[in-house]
Amino acid sequence: MKSKTLKYLGYSCRIAENGKLGVSPWSTCPEPTRQWFADNRDRITGELKGRPVKLGTRMTKVIERSIPKKLMSLVPKATCGCKDYAKKMDSWGLSGCLAREEEIVDHLVEQSNTMGAVVRAVPAAIRRKAAKRMFDIAARLR
C-alpha cells in the first residue's frame, strides 16, 4: 500500500514506518511551525489515515460555547443555513477549511447580522476578530 502524503504550510506530511508523523523538510522548519505540527499531530495523522477532521461540527460547538444563549436564541434556526454550512465545512476537511479560512470568517461575520441590533452595533472589525478567533479555536491553530 502506498503511503498518503499531505501538504501543510509548505511541508510534506506522511506516516513514517515507525507509525509516527513525518514532516519534511524538518531541518528547515522554524520552532513555531514545529510546535504547530506537534499540536496538530493527531488531526494530521487522522487525515492521513482517511479520518477527515469535521471542522464544521467543531465550529458549531465552539460557537455554542462562545456566544451567550440569549443571543443564539435570536438566530432564526429554520432559515439561517448554519447546519448546511457546517456540513459543507465537514466535507471540505481540515485542509479545505484552512484554504477557505477568509470565506468562512466572512460567512460568520455575515451570520452575526442575524443576531439583532445589539450585535450589529458592534463594529464589524471586532466581529471579524471574534469570528477568526473561533475559527482558530475550532482548528486549534492557537
Protein backbone atom coordinates (compact mmCIF):
# COMPACT_ATOMS: atom_id res chain seq x y z
CA MET A 1 0.00 0.00 0.00
CA LYS A 2 1.37 3.38 -0.99
CA SER A 3 1.59 5.95 1.81
CA LYS A 4 -0.53 9.06 1.60
CA THR A 5 1.15 12.47 1.74
CA LEU A 6 -0.48 15.77 2.70
CA LYS A 7 0.86 19.30 2.30
CA TYR A 8 0.64 21.72 5.24
CA LEU A 9 2.34 25.10 5.47
CA GLY A 10 4.65 24.13 2.58
CA TYR A 11 5.78 20.87 4.23
CA SER A 12 5.02 17.28 3.28
CA CYS A 13 3.44 15.10 5.97
CA ARG A 14 3.31 11.31 5.98
CA ILE A 15 3.09 8.49 8.45
CA ALA A 16 6.59 7.06 8.86
CA GLU A 17 7.30 3.32 9.04
CA ASN A 18 7.50 3.54 12.83
CA GLY A 19 3.91 4.89 12.84
CA LYS A 20 4.88 8.44 13.78
CA LEU A 21 4.09 11.56 11.81
CA GLY A 22 6.87 12.50 9.41
CA VAL A 23 7.30 16.10 8.29
CA SER A 24 9.69 17.13 5.57
CA PRO A 25 11.88 19.11 5.39
CA TRP A 26 12.05 19.13 9.20
CA SER A 27 15.54 20.63 9.27
CA THR A 28 14.31 23.97 7.88
CA CYS A 29 11.15 24.03 9.98
CA PRO A 30 11.14 27.01 12.42
CA GLU A 31 10.19 26.42 16.07
CA PRO A 32 6.65 27.92 15.86
CA THR A 33 5.87 25.67 12.89
CA ARG A 34 7.32 22.64 14.67
CA GLN A 35 5.04 23.45 17.60
CA TRP A 36 2.05 23.71 15.25
CA PHE A 37 2.80 20.25 13.87
CA ALA A 38 3.16 18.89 17.42
CA ASP A 39 -0.14 20.48 18.50
CA ASN A 40 -1.96 19.16 15.41
CA ARG A 41 -0.30 15.74 15.15
CA ASP A 42 -3.47 13.75 15.88
CA ARG A 43 -5.56 15.63 13.33
CA ILE A 44 -2.94 15.35 10.59
CA THR A 45 -2.43 11.66 11.31
CA GLY A 46 -6.21 11.17 11.20
CA GLU A 47 -6.40 12.80 7.78
CA LEU A 48 -3.53 10.65 6.53
CA LYS A 49 -5.39 7.57 7.74
CA GLY A 50 -8.56 8.69 5.98
CA ARG A 51 -10.41 10.08 9.00
CA PRO A 52 -11.13 13.64 7.95
CA VAL A 53 -11.48 16.33 10.58
CA LYS A 54 -15.04 17.62 10.84
CA LEU A 55 -14.25 21.28 11.29
CA GLY A 56 -17.85 22.34 10.70
CA THR A 57 -19.01 20.21 13.63
CA ARG A 58 -16.20 21.61 15.79
CA MET A 59 -17.05 25.16 14.71
CA THR A 60 -20.68 24.63 15.74
CA LYS A 61 -19.57 23.54 19.22
CA VAL A 62 -17.16 26.46 19.59
CA ILE A 63 -19.90 28.92 18.58
CA GLU A 64 -22.39 27.36 21.00
CA ARG A 65 -19.86 27.67 23.86
CA SER A 66 -18.71 31.19 22.92
CA ILE A 67 -21.95 33.03 22.26
CA PRO A 68 -24.50 33.61 25.03
CA LYS A 69 -27.65 31.52 24.70
CA LYS A 70 -29.77 34.68 24.74
CA LEU A 71 -28.07 35.90 21.54
CA MET A 72 -28.15 32.44 19.96
CA SER A 73 -31.92 32.32 20.52
CA LEU A 74 -32.31 35.36 18.24
CA VAL A 75 -30.94 33.47 15.22
CA PRO A 76 -33.80 32.07 13.07
CA LYS A 77 -32.70 28.39 13.02
CA ALA A 78 -35.02 27.38 10.18
CA THR A 79 -33.54 29.87 7.72
CA CYS A 80 -30.00 30.59 8.95
CA GLY A 81 -28.31 27.78 6.99
CA CYS A 82 -25.81 27.10 9.79
CA LYS A 83 -26.24 23.31 9.71
CA ASP A 84 -25.83 23.26 5.94
CA TYR A 85 -22.66 25.36 6.14
CA ALA A 86 -21.27 23.12 8.90
CA LYS A 87 -21.90 20.05 6.69
CA LYS A 88 -20.15 21.81 3.81
CA MET A 89 -17.15 22.56 6.07
CA ASP A 90 -17.12 18.92 7.24
CA SER A 91 -16.96 17.77 3.63
CA TRP A 92 -14.04 20.14 2.92
CA GLY A 93 -11.98 18.63 5.74
CA LEU A 94 -9.28 20.48 7.65
CA SER A 95 -7.08 21.37 4.69
CA GLY A 96 -10.06 22.58 2.65
CA CYS A 97 -11.29 24.77 5.51
CA LEU A 98 -7.82 26.20 6.09
CA ALA A 99 -7.68 27.11 2.40
CA ARG A 100 -11.10 28.80 2.70
CA GLU A 101 -10.49 30.49 6.04
CA GLU A 102 -11.38 34.02 4.82
CA GLU A 103 -14.58 32.76 3.20
CA ILE A 104 -15.61 31.03 6.43
CA VAL A 105 -14.80 34.07 8.58
CA ASP A 106 -16.77 36.28 6.15
CA HIS A 107 -19.71 33.89 6.48
CA LEU A 108 -19.57 34.02 10.27
CA VAL A 109 -19.47 37.83 10.29
CA GLU A 110 -22.43 37.92 7.90
CA GLN A 111 -24.36 35.46 10.09
CA SER A 112 -23.74 37.67 13.13
CA ASN A 113 -26.01 40.26 11.49
CA THR A 114 -28.97 37.96 12.19
CA MET A 115 -28.46 38.24 15.96
CA GLY A 116 -30.23 41.55 16.32
CA ALA A 117 -29.41 45.21 16.79
CA VAL A 118 -27.15 44.65 19.80
CA VAL A 119 -24.70 42.54 17.81
CA ARG A 120 -24.98 44.71 14.69
CA ALA A 121 -23.95 47.69 16.87
CA VAL A 122 -20.58 46.00 17.48
CA PRO A 123 -18.11 47.18 14.80
CA ALA A 124 -17.56 44.67 12.00
CA ALA A 125 -13.80 44.61 12.70
CA ILE A 126 -14.43 43.33 16.22
CA ARG A 127 -16.96 40.74 14.99
CA ARG A 128 -14.41 39.64 12.37
CA LYS A 129 -11.71 39.25 15.02
CA ALA A 130 -14.10 37.17 17.16
CA ALA A 131 -15.04 35.01 14.17
CA LYS A 132 -11.35 34.49 13.32
CA ARG A 133 -10.63 33.53 16.93
CA MET A 134 -13.48 30.99 16.93
CA PHE A 135 -12.18 29.54 13.66
CA ASP A 136 -8.68 29.25 15.15
CA ILE A 137 -10.05 27.55 18.25
CA ALA A 138 -12.03 25.07 16.15
CA ALA A 139 -8.96 24.34 14.05
CA ARG A 140 -6.74 24.51 17.18
CA LEU A 141 -4.29 26.80 15.49
CA ARG A 142 -3.76 28.88 18.63
